[in-house]
C-alpha atoms as a PDB file:
ATOM      1  CA  MET A   1      40.643  -5.869  -1.812  1.00  0.00           C
ATOM      2  CA  GLY A   2      40.182  -3.121  -4.424  1.00  0.00           C
ATOM      3  CA  LEU A   3      39.133   0.332  -3.311  1.00  0.00           C
ATOM      4  CA  LYS A   4      35.800   0.236  -5.139  1.00  0.00           C
ATOM      5  CA  LEU A   5      35.034  -3.244  -3.841  1.00  0.00           C
ATOM      6  CA  LYS A   6      35.890  -2.122  -0.320  1.00  0.00           C
ATOM      7  CA  TYR A   7      33.435   0.814  -0.480  1.00  0.00           C
ATOM      8  CA  THR A   8      30.741  -1.417  -1.963  1.00  0.00           C
ATOM      9  CA  PHE A   9      31.168  -3.896   0.882  1.00  0.00           C
ATOM     10  CA  ILE A  10      30.889  -1.124   3.499  1.00  0.00           C
ATOM     11  CA  PHE A  11      27.728   0.260   1.887  1.00  0.00           C
ATOM     12  CA  SER A  12      26.202  -3.237   1.792  1.00  0.00           C
ATOM     13  CA  ILE A  13      26.839  -3.698   5.520  1.00  0.00           C
ATOM     14  CA  LEU A  14      25.260  -0.319   6.336  1.00  0.00           C
ATOM     15  CA  ILE A  15      22.151  -1.029   4.263  1.00  0.00           C
ATOM     16  CA  THR A  16      21.757  -4.436   5.939  1.00  0.00           C
ATOM     17  CA  LEU A  17      21.994  -2.836   9.386  1.00  0.00           C
ATOM     18  CA  PHE A  18      19.465  -0.123   8.492  1.00  0.00           C
ATOM     19  CA  SER A  19      17.073  -2.737   7.131  1.00  0.00           C
ATOM     20  CA  GLY A  20      17.378  -4.891  10.238  1.00  0.00           C
ATOM     21  CA  CYS A  21      16.355  -1.995  12.469  1.00  0.00           C
ATOM     22  CA  GLY A  22      12.835  -2.025  11.051  1.00  0.00           C
ATOM     23  CA  LEU A  23      12.100  -5.738  10.658  1.00  0.00           C
ATOM     24  CA  LYS A  24       9.913  -5.878  13.786  1.00  0.00           C
ATOM     25  CA  ASP A  25       7.644  -3.197  12.308  1.00  0.00           C
ATOM     26  CA  TYR A  26       6.418  -5.703   9.709  1.00  0.00           C
ATOM     27  CA  LYS A  27       4.837  -8.013  12.307  1.00  0.00           C
ATOM     28  CA  LEU A  28       1.308  -7.201  13.514  1.00  0.00           C
ATOM     29  CA  PHE A  29      -0.290  -8.189  16.839  1.00  0.00           C
ATOM     30  CA  GLN A  30       2.836  -9.510  18.561  1.00  0.00           C
ATOM     31  CA  GLU A  31       2.761 -10.890  22.092  1.00  0.00           C
ATOM     32  CA  GLY A  32       4.982  -9.580  24.874  1.00  0.00           C
ATOM     33  CA  SER A  33       5.441  -6.383  26.864  1.00  0.00           C
ATOM     34  CA  LEU A  34       3.903  -3.219  25.451  1.00  0.00           C
ATOM     35  CA  ASP A  35       5.751   0.058  25.097  1.00  0.00           C
ATOM     36  CA  ILE A  36       3.094   2.248  26.731  1.00  0.00           C
ATOM     37  CA  GLU A  37       4.969   5.434  25.838  1.00  0.00           C
ATOM     38  CA  LYS A  38       4.227   4.889  22.151  1.00  0.00           C
ATOM     39  CA  THR A  39       0.560   3.975  22.529  1.00  0.00           C
ATOM     40  CA  THR A  40      -2.287   6.271  23.573  1.00  0.00           C
ATOM     41  CA  VAL A  41      -4.145   4.588  26.430  1.00  0.00           C
ATOM     42  CA  VAL A  42      -7.955   4.844  26.225  1.00  0.00           C
ATOM     43  CA  ASP A  43      -9.850   3.966  29.427  1.00  0.00           C
ATOM     44  CA  LYS A  44     -12.891   1.680  29.416  1.00  0.00           C
ATOM     45  CA  LYS A  45     -15.418   4.485  29.836  1.00  0.00           C
ATOM     46  CA  GLU A  46     -14.169   6.384  26.795  1.00  0.00           C
ATOM     47  CA  TYR A  47     -13.815   3.149  24.812  1.00  0.00           C
ATOM     48  CA  TYR A  48     -17.454   2.135  25.387  1.00  0.00           C
ATOM     49  CA  GLN A  49     -18.577   5.666  24.535  1.00  0.00           C
ATOM     50  CA  GLU A  50     -16.810   5.328  21.203  1.00  0.00           C
ATOM     51  CA  MET A  51     -18.451   1.946  20.627  1.00  0.00           C
ATOM     52  CA  ALA A  52     -21.877   3.550  21.110  1.00  0.00           C
ATOM     53  CA  PHE A  53     -21.016   6.690  19.123  1.00  0.00           C
ATOM     54  CA  GLU A  54     -23.730   8.013  16.819  1.00  0.00           C
ATOM     55  CA  ASN A  55     -22.966  10.840  14.440  1.00  0.00           C
ATOM     56  CA  ILE A  56     -24.604  14.225  14.996  1.00  0.00           C
ATOM     57  CA  ILE A  57     -25.811  16.436  12.150  1.00  0.00           C
ATOM     58  CA  ALA A  58     -23.618  19.519  11.949  1.00  0.00           C
ATOM     59  CA  PRO A  59     -23.433  22.669   9.790  1.00  0.00           C
ATOM     60  CA  ASN A  60     -21.988  21.972   6.311  1.00  0.00           C
ATOM     61  CA  ASP A  61     -23.138  18.347   6.420  1.00  0.00           C
ATOM     62  CA  ARG A  62     -25.136  16.983   3.510  1.00  0.00           C
ATOM     63  CA  VAL A  63     -28.259  15.000   4.341  1.00  0.00           C
ATOM     64  CA  ASP A  64     -30.788  12.940   2.427  1.00  0.00           C
ATOM     65  CA  VAL A  65     -34.381  13.586   3.461  1.00  0.00           C
ATOM     66  CA  THR A  66     -37.134  11.284   2.173  1.00  0.00           C
ATOM     67  CA  VAL A  67     -40.814  11.783   3.075  1.00  0.00           C
ATOM     68  CA  TYR A  68     -43.380   8.998   2.550  1.00  0.00           C
ATOM     69  CA  ILE A  69     -47.181   9.016   2.738  1.00  0.00           C
ATOM     70  CA  GLN A  70     -49.802   6.297   2.392  1.00  0.00           C
ATOM     71  CA  ALA A  71     -50.601   5.565  -1.257  1.00  0.00           C
ATOM     72  CA  GLY A  72     -54.374   5.579  -0.636  1.00  0.00           C
ATOM     73  CA  GLN A  73     -57.147   5.282   1.939  1.00  0.00           C
ATOM     74  CA  GLY A  74     -56.520   2.143   3.997  1.00  0.00           C
ATOM     75  CA  SER A  75     -53.481   1.217   1.906  1.00  0.00           C
ATOM     76  CA  GLN A  76     -50.337  -0.153   3.566  1.00  0.00           C
ATOM     77  CA  GLN A  77     -48.180   1.005   0.654  1.00  0.00           C
ATOM     78  CA  MET A  78     -46.035   4.085   1.155  1.00  0.00           C
ATOM     79  CA  THR A  79     -45.246   6.536  -1.634  1.00  0.00           C
ATOM     80  CA  SER A  80     -42.390   8.982  -1.647  1.00  0.00           C
ATOM     81  CA  ILE A  81     -43.447  12.593  -2.093  1.00  0.00           C
ATOM     82  CA  LEU A  82     -40.020  14.093  -1.394  1.00  0.00           C
ATOM     83  CA  THR A  83     -36.552  12.668  -1.709  1.00  0.00           C
ATOM     84  CA  SER A  84     -33.032  13.978  -2.025  1.00  0.00           C
ATOM     85  CA  ARG A  85     -31.602  10.453  -2.002  1.00  0.00           C
ATOM     86  CA  ASP A  86     -28.650   9.524  -4.213  1.00  0.00           C
ATOM     87  CA  VAL A  87     -30.068   6.976  -6.664  1.00  0.00           C
ATOM     88  CA  ASN A  88     -26.620   5.764  -7.691  1.00  0.00           C
ATOM     89  CA  ASN A  89     -25.827   4.262  -4.250  1.00  0.00           C
ATOM     90  CA  SER A  90     -22.173   5.065  -4.864  1.00  0.00           C
ATOM     91  CA  ASN A  91     -19.578   4.260  -2.197  1.00  0.00           C
ATOM     92  CA  THR A  92     -17.628   7.397  -3.062  1.00  0.00           C
ATOM     93  CA  ILE A  93     -18.025  10.836  -1.546  1.00  0.00           C
ATOM     94  CA  GLN A  94     -20.082  13.118  -3.807  1.00  0.00           C
ATOM     95  CA  GLU A  95     -19.961  16.748  -2.798  1.00  0.00           C
ATOM     96  CA  ASN A  96     -23.260  17.838  -4.361  1.00  0.00           C
ATOM     97  CA  ILE A  97     -25.713  15.162  -3.202  1.00  0.00           C
ATOM     98  CA  GLY A  98     -28.469  15.683  -0.669  1.00  0.00           C
ATOM     99  CA  LEU A  99     -29.315  18.912   1.100  1.00  0.00           C
ATOM    100  CA  LEU A 100     -26.627  21.175   2.527  1.00  0.00           C
ATOM    101  CA  VAL A 101     -27.047  22.014   6.202  1.00  0.00           C
ATOM    102  CA  THR A 102     -26.441  25.747   6.478  1.00  0.00           C
ATOM    103  CA  ARG A 103     -24.079  27.426   8.895  1.00  0.00           C
ATOM    104  CA  LYS A 104     -27.128  28.101  11.071  1.00  0.00           C
ATOM    105  CA  GLY A 105     -27.868  24.353  11.129  1.00  0.00           C
ATOM    106  CA  SER A 106     -31.011  24.407   8.999  1.00  0.00           C
ATOM    107  CA  VAL A 107     -32.303  22.884   5.758  1.00  0.00           C
ATOM    108  CA  ARG A 108     -35.200  24.125   3.639  1.00  0.00           C
ATOM    109  CA  LEU A 109     -37.994  21.603   2.971  1.00  0.00           C
ATOM    110  CA  PRO A 110     -41.341  21.772   1.129  1.00  0.00           C
ATOM    111  CA  LEU A 111     -44.294  22.760   3.365  1.00  0.00           C
ATOM    112  CA  LEU A 112     -42.020  23.249   6.370  1.00  0.00           C
ATOM    113  CA  GLY A 113     -39.691  25.901   5.060  1.00  0.00           C
ATOM    114  CA  SER A 114     -36.428  26.311   6.990  1.00  0.00           C
ATOM    115  CA  VAL A 115     -36.047  23.794   9.835  1.00  0.00           C
ATOM    116  CA  ASN A 116     -33.114  23.421  12.191  1.00  0.00           C
ATOM    117  CA  ILE A 117     -31.773  19.868  12.481  1.00  0.00           C
ATOM    118  CA  ALA A 118     -28.172  20.526  13.608  1.00  0.00           C
ATOM    119  CA  GLY A 119     -27.260  18.780  16.837  1.00  0.00           C
ATOM    120  CA  LEU A 120     -29.644  15.875  16.179  1.00  0.00           C
ATOM    121  CA  THR A 121     -28.850  12.276  15.307  1.00  0.00           C
ATOM    122  CA  GLN A 122     -30.384  10.768  12.167  1.00  0.00           C
ATOM    123  CA  ASP A 123     -33.183   9.115  14.192  1.00  0.00           C
ATOM    124  CA  GLU A 124     -33.858  12.271  16.183  1.00  0.00           C
ATOM    125  CA  ALA A 125     -34.057  14.346  12.982  1.00  0.00           C
ATOM    126  CA  SER A 126     -36.423  11.792  11.404  1.00  0.00           C
ATOM    127  CA  ASN A 127     -38.753  11.844  14.425  1.00  0.00           C
ATOM    128  CA  TYR A 128     -38.672  15.633  14.556  1.00  0.00           C
ATOM    129  CA  LEU A 129     -39.600  15.977  10.872  1.00  0.00           C
ATOM    130  CA  ILE A 130     -42.367  13.370  11.210  1.00  0.00           C
ATOM    131  CA  LYS A 131     -43.864  15.506  13.962  1.00  0.00           C
ATOM    132  CA  GLU A 132     -43.598  18.646  11.825  1.00  0.00           C
ATOM    133  CA  TYR A 133     -45.048  17.031   8.691  1.00  0.00           C
ATOM    134  CA  LYS A 134     -48.024  15.707  10.644  1.00  0.00           C
ATOM    135  CA  LYS A 135     -49.240  19.300  10.722  1.00  0.00           C
ATOM    136  CA  PHE A 136     -49.758  19.069   6.943  1.00  0.00           C
ATOM    137  CA  ILE A 137     -49.820  15.355   5.998  1.00  0.00           C
ATOM    138  CA  ARG A 138     -51.657  12.338   7.404  1.00  0.00           C
ATOM    139  CA  ASN A 139     -49.350   9.562   8.665  1.00  0.00           C
ATOM    140  CA  PRO A 140     -46.067  10.784   7.199  1.00  0.00           C
ATOM    141  CA  TYR A 141     -42.870   8.757   7.492  1.00  0.00           C
ATOM    142  CA  VAL A 142     -39.470  10.455   7.199  1.00  0.00           C
ATOM    143  CA  ILE A 143     -35.946   9.062   6.749  1.00  0.00           C
ATOM    144  CA  VAL A 144     -32.895  11.278   7.299  1.00  0.00           C
ATOM    145  CA  GLU A 145     -29.382  10.125   6.377  1.00  0.00           C
ATOM    146  CA  ILE A 146     -26.073  11.946   6.700  1.00  0.00           C
ATOM    147  CA  LYS A 147     -24.275  11.488   3.370  1.00  0.00           C
ATOM    148  CA  ASN A 148     -20.815  13.000   3.793  1.00  0.00           C
ATOM    149  CA  GLN A 149     -19.469  10.934   6.688  1.00  0.00           C
ATOM    150  CA  ARG A 150     -15.832  10.172   5.904  1.00  0.00           C
ATOM    151  CA  VAL A 151     -12.351   9.718   7.271  1.00  0.00           C
ATOM    152  CA  ILE A 152      -9.164  10.955   5.628  1.00  0.00           C
ATOM    153  CA  VAL A 153      -6.310   8.460   5.234  1.00  0.00           C
ATOM    154  CA  ILE A 154      -2.852   9.767   4.328  1.00  0.00           C
ATOM    155  CA  GLY A 155       0.729   8.595   4.522  1.00  0.00           C
ATOM    156  CA  GLU A 156       2.122   5.128   3.869  1.00  0.00           C
ATOM    157  CA  VAL A 157      -0.952   3.384   2.451  1.00  0.00           C
ATOM    158  CA  LYS A 158      -1.239   2.208  -1.133  1.00  0.00           C
ATOM    159  CA  SER A 159      -4.196   4.446  -2.070  1.00  0.00           C
ATOM    160  CA  PRO A 160      -4.432   7.438   0.295  1.00  0.00           C
ATOM    161  CA  GLY A 161      -7.535   9.559   0.107  1.00  0.00           C
ATOM    162  CA  ILE A 162     -11.028  10.161   1.498  1.00  0.00           C
ATOM    163  CA  VAL A 163     -12.837   7.021   2.688  1.00  0.00           C
ATOM    164  CA  PRO A 164     -16.657   7.183   3.058  1.00  0.00           C
ATOM    165  CA  VAL A 165     -18.161   5.862   6.290  1.00  0.00           C
ATOM    166  CA  THR A 166     -21.108   3.867   4.992  1.00  0.00           C
ATOM    167  CA  ASN A 167     -21.976   1.808   8.092  1.00  0.00           C
ATOM    168  CA  GLY A 168     -22.114   4.591  10.674  1.00  0.00           C
ATOM    169  CA  THR A 169     -18.801   3.567  12.238  1.00  0.00           C
ATOM    170  CA  MET A 170     -15.347   2.571  11.011  1.00  0.00           C
ATOM    171  CA  ASN A 171     -12.184   1.299  12.638  1.00  0.00           C
ATOM    172  CA  VAL A 172      -8.517   1.726  11.774  1.00  0.00           C
ATOM    173  CA  ILE A 173      -8.199  -1.759  10.251  1.00  0.00           C
ATOM    174  CA  GLU A 174     -11.163  -1.185   7.918  1.00  0.00           C
ATOM    175  CA  ALA A 175      -9.860   2.237   6.836  1.00  0.00           C
ATOM    176  CA  ILE A 176      -6.441   0.753   6.032  1.00  0.00           C
ATOM    177  CA  ALA A 177      -8.041  -2.134   4.138  1.00  0.00           C
ATOM    178  CA  ARG A 178     -10.115   0.274   2.047  1.00  0.00           C
ATOM    179  CA  THR A 179      -6.974   2.165   1.038  1.00  0.00           C
ATOM    180  CA  GLY A 180      -5.222  -0.953  -0.235  1.00  0.00           C
ATOM    181  CA  ASP A 181      -3.259  -1.922   2.915  1.00  0.00           C
ATOM    182  CA  LEU A 182      -0.026  -0.478   4.265  1.00  0.00           C
ATOM    183  CA  THR A 183       3.034   0.024   2.094  1.00  0.00           C
ATOM    184  CA  ASP A 184       6.337  -1.693   2.840  1.00  0.00           C
ATOM    185  CA  MET A 185       7.622   1.599   4.244  1.00  0.00           C
ATOM    186  CA  ALA A 186       4.776   2.084   6.760  1.00  0.00           C
ATOM    187  CA  SER A 187       5.609   2.404  10.457  1.00  0.00           C
ATOM    188  CA  ARG A 188       3.155  -0.069  11.920  1.00  0.00           C
ATOM    189  CA  ASN A 189       3.873   0.842  15.534  1.00  0.00           C
ATOM    190  CA  ASN A 190       3.369   4.599  15.190  1.00  0.00           C
ATOM    191  CA  ILE A 191       0.045   5.285  13.446  1.00  0.00           C
ATOM    192  CA  LYS A 192      -1.586   8.624  14.258  1.00  0.00           C
ATOM    193  CA  VAL A 193      -5.289   9.456  14.573  1.00  0.00           C
ATOM    194  CA  ILE A 194      -5.879  13.214  14.446  1.00  0.00           C
ATOM    195  CA  ARG A 195      -9.284  14.339  15.689  1.00  0.00           C
ATOM    196  CA  GLY A 196     -11.117  17.600  16.261  1.00  0.00           C
ATOM    197  CA  ASP A 197     -10.065  21.206  15.734  1.00  0.00           C
ATOM    198  CA  LEU A 198      -6.902  21.296  13.630  1.00  0.00           C
ATOM    199  CA  ARG A 199      -5.703  24.356  15.570  1.00  0.00           C
ATOM    200  CA  ASN A 200      -5.781  22.270  18.739  1.00  0.00           C
ATOM    201  CA  PRO A 201      -6.166  18.642  17.637  1.00  0.00           C
ATOM    202  CA  LYS A 202      -6.398  15.545  19.780  1.00  0.00           C
ATOM    203  CA  VAL A 203      -3.756  13.087  18.565  1.00  0.00           C
ATOM    204  CA  ARG A 204      -3.665   9.388  19.348  1.00  0.00           C
ATOM    205  CA  THR A 205      -0.844   6.936  18.665  1.00  0.00           C
ATOM    206  CA  ILE A 206      -1.791   3.370  17.749  1.00  0.00           C
ATOM    207  CA  ASN A 207       0.603   0.418  17.712  1.00  0.00           C
ATOM    208  CA  LEU A 208      -0.560  -2.371  15.398  1.00  0.00           C
ATOM    209  CA  THR A 209       2.540  -4.498  15.939  1.00  0.00           C
ATOM    210  CA  ARG A 210       1.524  -5.649  19.431  1.00  0.00           C
ATOM    211  CA  MET A 211      -1.514  -7.714  20.363  1.00  0.00           C
ATOM    212  CA  ASP A 212      -1.660  -6.221  23.853  1.00  0.00           C
ATOM    213  CA  ALA A 213      -2.038  -2.742  22.347  1.00  0.00           C
ATOM    214  CA  LEU A 214      -5.657  -3.621  21.545  1.00  0.00           C
ATOM    215  CA  SER A 215      -6.475  -3.852  25.256  1.00  0.00           C
ATOM    216  CA  VAL A 216      -5.307  -0.325  26.090  1.00  0.00           C
ATOM    217  CA  SER A 217      -6.133   1.602  22.918  1.00  0.00           C
ATOM    218  CA  SER A 218      -9.158   2.143  20.679  1.00  0.00           C
ATOM    219  CA  LEU A 219      -9.280   1.458  16.956  1.00  0.00           C
ATOM    220  CA  TYR A 220     -12.622   3.212  16.456  1.00  0.00           C
ATOM    221  CA  LEU A 221     -12.644   6.216  14.140  1.00  0.00           C
ATOM    222  CA  LYS A 222     -15.109   9.091  14.023  1.00  0.00           C
ATOM    223  CA  PRO A 223     -16.221  10.956  10.894  1.00  0.00           C
ATOM    224  CA  ASN A 224     -13.681  13.596   9.792  1.00  0.00           C
ATOM    225  CA  ASP A 225     -10.826  11.884  11.638  1.00  0.00           C
ATOM    226  CA  ILE A 226      -7.437  11.970   9.906  1.00  0.00           C
ATOM    227  CA  LEU A 227      -5.564   8.669   9.895  1.00  0.00           C
ATOM    228  CA  TYR A 228      -1.872   9.260   9.252  1.00  0.00           C
ATOM    229  CA  VAL A 229       0.387   6.267   8.664  1.00  0.00           C
ATOM    230  CA  GLN A 230       3.923   7.489   9.237  1.00  0.00           C
ATOM    231  CA  PRO A 231       6.900   6.196   7.242  1.00  0.00           C
ATOM    232  CA  ARG A 232       9.553   4.004   8.803  1.00  0.00           C
ATOM    233  CA  ASN A 233      13.048   5.359   9.431  1.00  0.00           C
ATOM    234  CA  LEU A 234      14.275   3.101   6.651  1.00  0.00           C
ATOM    235  CA  LYS A 235      12.499   5.316   4.125  1.00  0.00           C
ATOM    236  CA  GLY A 236      14.709   8.182   5.249  1.00  0.00           C
ATOM    237  CA  TYR A 237      17.785   6.016   4.864  1.00  0.00           C
ATOM    238  CA  ASN A 238      16.692   4.975   1.377  1.00  0.00           C
ATOM    239  CA  ARG A 239      16.054   8.567   0.393  1.00  0.00           C
ATOM    240  CA  ALA A 240      19.443   9.612   1.748  1.00  0.00           C
ATOM    241  CA  PHE A 241      21.068   6.757  -0.157  1.00  0.00           C
ATOM    242  CA  ASN A 242      19.288   7.786  -3.374  1.00  0.00           C
ATOM    243  CA  ASP A 243      20.451  11.361  -2.826  1.00  0.00           C
ATOM    244  CA  ILE A 244      24.116  10.363  -2.496  1.00  0.00           C
ATOM    245  CA  ASN A 245      23.978   7.663  -5.169  1.00  0.00           C
ATOM    246  CA  PRO A 246      24.846  10.048  -8.070  1.00  0.00           C
ATOM    247  CA  PHE A 247      27.816  11.326  -6.054  1.00  0.00           C
ATOM    248  CA  TRP A 248      28.855   7.729  -5.322  1.00  0.00           C
ATOM    249  CA  ASN A 249      28.681   6.836  -9.018  1.00  0.00           C
ATOM    250  CA  MET A 250      30.781   9.889  -9.894  1.00  0.00           C
ATOM    251  CA  LEU A 251      33.316   9.027  -7.166  1.00  0.00           C
ATOM    252  CA  SER A 252      33.501   5.439  -8.391  1.00  0.00           C
ATOM    253  CA  SER A 253      34.124   6.593 -11.968  1.00  0.00           C
ATOM    254  CA  ILE A 254      37.001   8.753 -10.701  1.00  0.00           C
ATOM    255  CA  LEU A 255      38.524   6.136  -8.423  1.00  0.00           C
ATOM    256  CA  ASP A 256      38.161   3.222 -10.835  1.00  0.00           C
ATOM    257  CA  PRO A 257      40.979   4.301 -13.217  1.00  0.00           C
ATOM    258  CA  LEU A 258      43.208   5.043 -10.207  1.00  0.00           C
ATOM    259  CA  ASN A 259      42.503   1.618  -8.770  1.00  0.00           C
ATOM    260  CA  GLN A 260      43.247  -0.057 -12.120  1.00  0.00           C
ATOM    261  CA  ARG A 261      46.524   1.883 -12.398  1.00  0.00           C
ATOM    262  CA  LYS A 262      47.529   0.833  -8.891  1.00  0.00           C
ATOM    263  CA  THR A 263      46.869  -2.785  -9.793  1.00  0.00           C
ATOM    264  CA  LEU A 264      49.042  -2.556 -12.943  1.00  0.00           C
ATOM    265  CA  ILE A 265      51.911  -0.985 -10.967  1.00  0.00           C
ATOM    266  CA  GLU A 266      51.750  -3.700  -8.349  1.00  0.00           C
END
């Protein structure tokens, strides 16, 4: 066997072995024993709390506030007298829509002036503003919506970026679907959810390759969570191979004439 052919054969065997190491990562929701060490276990109490989670208005949020009044005496029709609603109904995050909640947790509204709504849910803020507007308006109706709810998806997905949370809640599967699905190089058994203060974050590990992982983990995401899909080890092997490929080509070009000369001598 020629020298070049021998090296090519060895490289082919190594690549096949590296590829085989990650084949199980491609299969989702497998049956069998679960590697607990790689999956963050979430107890039932915390899981049900996440199911019932409702976002709280916080400083630097953007909110839509719409105030309605009756169109006329005895009329059942409501007319908007104040709105900061986005008329485009876009599913993308827009940084300048709605009213900005200040660092003190307040927004400034007509008739009311500066009102503090931080720490309230959307329904609680609506009821609070209805009560305040009743001091000036007969039968007001107020709708408050948080507009900048989002999760951040990075890593081995086809379209990483900021994903708006339009339905109040979102799970890992939905976030991945909205970013175009996982890439071929995604590690499906080692997906990270990073939550809270980035100086001291709470990190969860989710394993999508095992069906029994669903019974011990939680796929629910909260606004401002970071979903990081890590690359498989094979990506490192491929990168290493690409790095040494120019050297291999140069070595082959040097050894090829020597190999041909050896063949002629023999």
